[in-house]
C-alpha atoms as a PDB file:
ATOM      1  CA  UNK A   1      -0.024   0.204   0.213  1.00  0.00           C
ATOM      2  CA  UNK A   2       1.078   3.308  -0.694  1.00  0.00           C
ATOM      3  CA  UNK A   3      -0.139   6.765   0.522  1.00  0.00           C
ATOM      4  CA  UNK A   4      -0.549   9.484  -2.227  1.00  0.00           C
ATOM      5  CA  UNK A   5       0.071  13.191  -1.720  1.00  0.00           C
ATOM      6  CA  UNK A   6      -2.567  15.579  -3.052  1.00  0.00           C
ATOM      7  CA  UNK A   7      -0.692  16.024  -6.099  1.00  0.00           C
ATOM      8  CA  UNK A   8      -0.439  12.444  -7.068  1.00  0.00           C
ATOM      9  CA  UNK A   9      -4.254  11.833  -6.502  1.00  0.00           C
ATOM     10  CA  UNK A  10      -4.980  14.942  -8.825  1.00  0.00           C
ATOM     11  CA  UNK A  11      -3.006  13.205 -11.614  1.00  0.00           C
ATOM     12  CA  UNK A  12      -4.950   9.976 -11.348  1.00  0.00           C
ATOM     13  CA  UNK A  13      -7.404   9.097 -14.103  1.00  0.00           C
ATOM     14  CA  UNK A  14     -11.111   9.178 -12.662  1.00  0.00           C
ATOM     15  CA  UNK A  15     -12.622   5.840 -13.239  1.00  0.00           C
ATOM     16  CA  UNK A  16     -16.726   5.851 -13.335  1.00  0.00           C
ATOM     17  CA  UNK A  17     -18.586   2.821 -12.643  1.00  0.00           C
ATOM     18  CA  UNK A  18     -21.545   1.394 -14.267  1.00  0.00           C
ATOM     19  CA  UNK A  19     -21.860   1.215 -18.041  1.00  0.00           C
ATOM     20  CA  UNK A  20     -18.610   3.314 -18.590  1.00  0.00           C
ATOM     21  CA  UNK A  21     -15.533   1.884 -20.423  1.00  0.00           C
ATOM     22  CA  UNK A  22     -11.899   2.564 -20.730  1.00  0.00           C
ATOM     23  CA  UNK A  23     -12.441   5.123 -23.562  1.00  0.00           C
ATOM     24  CA  UNK A  24     -15.334   6.529 -22.491  1.00  0.00           C
ATOM     25  CA  UNK A  25     -13.286   7.200 -18.816  1.00  0.00           C
ATOM     26  CA  UNK A  26     -10.675   8.609 -21.418  1.00  0.00           C
ATOM     27  CA  UNK A  27     -12.503  11.047 -22.728  1.00  0.00           C
ATOM     28  CA  UNK A  28     -14.200  12.321 -19.864  1.00  0.00           C
ATOM     29  CA  UNK A  29     -10.749  12.779 -18.561  1.00  0.00           C
ATOM     30  CA  UNK A  30      -9.215  14.523 -21.480  1.00  0.00           C
ATOM     31  CA  UNK A  31      -8.157  18.278 -20.837  1.00  0.00           C
ATOM     32  CA  UNK A  32      -8.720  21.355 -23.825  1.00  0.00           C
ATOM     33  CA  UNK A  33      -5.912  20.655 -26.589  1.00  0.00           C
ATOM     34  CA  UNK A  34      -5.303  16.950 -25.531  1.00  0.00           C
ATOM     35  CA  UNK A  35      -5.823  14.071 -27.843  1.00  0.00           C
ATOM     36  CA  UNK A  36      -6.308  10.345 -27.589  1.00  0.00           C
ATOM     37  CA  UNK A  37      -5.342   7.801 -30.608  1.00  0.00           C
ATOM     38  CA  UNK A  38      -7.088   4.507 -30.430  1.00  0.00           C
ATOM     39  CA  UNK A  39      -5.764   1.700 -32.932  1.00  0.00           C
ATOM     40  CA  UNK A  40      -8.145  -0.541 -34.713  1.00  0.00           C
ATOM     41  CA  UNK A  41      -6.618  -3.281 -33.401  1.00  0.00           C
ATOM     42  CA  UNK A  42      -7.475  -1.886 -29.771  1.00  0.00           C
ATOM     43  CA  UNK A  43     -10.854  -1.413 -30.243  1.00  0.00           C
ATOM     44  CA  UNK A  44     -12.839  -4.518 -29.303  1.00  0.00           C
ATOM     45  CA  UNK A  45     -16.220  -2.654 -28.630  1.00  0.00           C
ATOM     46  CA  UNK A  46     -19.597  -3.030 -30.007  1.00  0.00           C
ATOM     47  CA  UNK A  47     -20.636   0.374 -30.376  1.00  0.00           C
ATOM     48  CA  UNK A  48     -17.913   2.836 -32.762  1.00  0.00           C
ATOM     49  CA  UNK A  49     -15.983   5.657 -30.911  1.00  0.00           C
ATOM     50  CA  UNK A  50     -18.249   8.240 -32.680  1.00  0.00           C
ATOM     51  CA  UNK A  51     -21.470   6.516 -31.457  1.00  0.00           C
ATOM     52  CA  UNK A  52     -19.893   7.201 -27.943  1.00  0.00           C
ATOM     53  CA  UNK A  53     -18.638  10.593 -28.519  1.00  0.00           C
ATOM     54  CA  UNK A  54     -22.099  11.863 -29.310  1.00  0.00           C
ATOM     55  CA  UNK A  55     -23.335  10.187 -26.371  1.00  0.00           C
ATOM     56  CA  UNK A  56     -21.169  12.146 -24.201  1.00  0.00           C
ATOM     57  CA  UNK A  57     -21.821  15.202 -25.945  1.00  0.00           C
ATOM     58  CA  UNK A  58     -25.222  14.803 -25.623  1.00  0.00           C
ATOM     59  CA  UNK A  59     -25.020  13.855 -21.946  1.00  0.00           C
ATOM     60  CA  UNK A  60     -22.507  16.427 -20.700  1.00  0.00           C
ATOM     61  CA  UNK A  61     -23.236  19.544 -23.006  1.00  0.00           C
ATOM     62  CA  UNK A  62     -19.408  19.653 -24.612  1.00  0.00           C
ATOM     63  CA  UNK A  63     -18.309  19.307 -28.212  1.00  0.00           C
ATOM     64  CA  UNK A  64     -15.792  16.775 -29.337  1.00  0.00           C
ATOM     65  CA  UNK A  65     -14.252  16.573 -32.393  1.00  0.00           C
ATOM     66  CA  UNK A  66     -13.371  13.169 -34.078  1.00  0.00           C
ATOM     67  CA  UNK A  67     -10.603  12.546 -36.634  1.00  0.00           C
ATOM     68  CA  UNK A  68     -10.336   9.218 -38.093  1.00  0.00           C
ATOM     69  CA  UNK A  69      -6.895   8.236 -39.675  1.00  0.00           C
ATOM     70  CA  UNK A  70      -6.429   5.300 -41.793  1.00  0.00           C
ATOM     71  CA  UNK A  71      -3.362   3.390 -42.972  1.00  0.00           C
END
């Protein structure tokens, strides 16, 4: 067990409970001008990233810009 300082605690990723996923939590924890890259082989979920982003935009009243890259 390790005791955390206040600054270490603030730097931790906050994880929601219930229907949330790692991707959902990562989007909610993004700050302005931060990006998230997910490769196709990492994505194992039924819902597409754009669908999850639209849900978050509707629920949290925020705007998320998506960019898809293909190789």
